[in-house]
Amino acid sequence: MKLPVIKHLTNFIEENDEDFVIETIETLEALTEVPSLKDEELDVIGELISNMYGAIEVHKSIKEGSSQKDALNSFMKRVVGSIDK
């Protein structure tokens, strides 16, 4: 996950609508079923999907009253904490 990408996507959600990102996730998930995709291509799609889900989580925190900075930091702490376990 890349924090600058998540931040950019969070701004996109705020300016537009979360539904755009959700529909994009669904499209990318459907693409992962193409049998001719290489592992590297699947890795890129997976990274994009992860960043989009991250942006949705950050956006939810912002809607609940957190500042963007606090929401991003909290999300990344949870991600790093889950990796360390």
Protein backbone atom coordinates (compact mmCIF):
# COMPACT_ATOMS: atom_id res chain seq x y z
CA MET A 1 0.00 0.00 0.00
CA LYS A 2 1.19 3.44 -0.85
CA LEU A 3 0.10 6.34 1.34
CA PRO A 4 0.28 8.98 -1.45
CA VAL A 5 -1.99 6.84 -3.64
CA ILE A 6 -4.46 6.30 -0.78
CA LYS A 7 -4.44 10.05 -0.04
CA HIS A 8 -5.07 10.86 -3.71
CA LEU A 9 -7.91 8.34 -3.91
CA THR A 10 -9.40 9.70 -0.68
CA ASN A 11 -9.44 13.17 -2.23
CA PHE A 12 -11.06 11.69 -5.34
CA ILE A 13 -13.79 10.12 -3.19
CA GLU A 14 -14.40 13.42 -1.41
CA GLU A 15 -14.67 15.32 -4.70
CA ASN A 16 -16.76 12.72 -6.52
CA ASP A 17 -18.36 9.67 -4.99
CA GLU A 18 -17.26 6.48 -3.26
CA ASP A 19 -19.31 4.47 -5.76
CA PHE A 20 -16.79 5.19 -8.52
CA VAL A 21 -14.05 3.51 -6.50
CA ILE A 22 -16.26 0.59 -5.48
CA GLU A 23 -17.20 -0.05 -9.11
CA THR A 24 -13.55 0.14 -10.13
CA ILE A 25 -12.64 -2.40 -7.45
CA GLU A 26 -15.34 -4.73 -8.76
CA THR A 27 -14.02 -4.33 -12.30
CA LEU A 28 -10.43 -5.03 -11.25
CA GLU A 29 -11.52 -8.04 -9.21
CA ALA A 30 -13.29 -9.41 -12.29
CA LEU A 31 -10.10 -8.90 -14.32
CA THR A 32 -8.14 -11.09 -11.92
CA GLU A 33 -10.07 -14.06 -13.28
CA VAL A 34 -8.49 -13.73 -16.75
CA PRO A 35 -6.40 -16.92 -17.02
CA SER A 36 -3.73 -15.40 -19.27
CA LEU A 37 -2.64 -12.73 -16.76
CA LYS A 38 0.93 -13.02 -15.53
CA ASP A 39 1.82 -12.98 -11.84
CA GLU A 40 3.31 -9.49 -12.16
CA GLU A 41 0.08 -8.19 -13.67
CA LEU A 42 -1.95 -9.78 -10.89
CA ASP A 43 0.38 -8.16 -8.34
CA VAL A 44 -0.26 -4.72 -9.85
CA ILE A 45 -4.02 -5.25 -9.89
CA GLY A 46 -3.87 -6.47 -6.29
CA GLU A 47 -1.91 -3.40 -5.22
CA LEU A 48 -4.45 -1.12 -6.89
CA ILE A 49 -7.33 -2.92 -5.20
CA SER A 50 -5.58 -2.70 -1.80
CA ASN A 51 -5.03 1.02 -2.19
CA MET A 52 -8.66 1.56 -3.17
CA TYR A 53 -9.96 -0.39 -0.18
CA GLY A 54 -7.57 1.64 1.98
CA ALA A 55 -8.95 4.89 0.60
CA ILE A 56 -12.49 3.76 1.36
CA GLU A 57 -11.48 2.98 4.96
CA VAL A 58 -9.76 6.36 5.34
CA HIS A 59 -12.80 8.10 3.86
CA LYS A 60 -15.06 6.36 6.41
CA SER A 61 -12.85 7.62 9.24
CA ILE A 62 -13.02 11.14 7.85
CA LYS A 63 -16.82 10.92 7.66
CA GLU A 64 -16.81 9.86 11.32
CA GLY A 65 -14.96 13.06 12.25
CA SER A 66 -11.23 12.36 11.93
CA SER A 67 -9.00 14.75 10.06
CA GLN A 68 -7.52 13.38 6.84
CA LYS A 69 -4.07 13.31 8.40
CA ASP A 70 -5.26 11.41 11.49
CA ALA A 71 -7.34 9.01 9.41
CA LEU A 72 -4.38 8.25 7.11
CA ASN A 73 -1.98 7.78 10.03
CA SER A 74 -4.40 5.56 11.91
CA PHE A 75 -5.01 3.42 8.86
CA MET A 76 -1.30 2.97 8.13
CA LYS A 77 -0.63 2.06 11.78
CA ARG A 78 -3.28 -0.67 11.53
CA VAL A 79 -1.76 -1.97 8.29
CA VAL A 80 1.77 -2.01 9.68
CA GLY A 81 0.50 -3.57 12.92
CA SER A 82 -1.21 -6.38 11.03
CA ILE A 83 1.93 -7.07 9.00
CA ASP A 84 4.08 -7.26 12.13
CA LYS A 85 1.87 -9.96 13.68
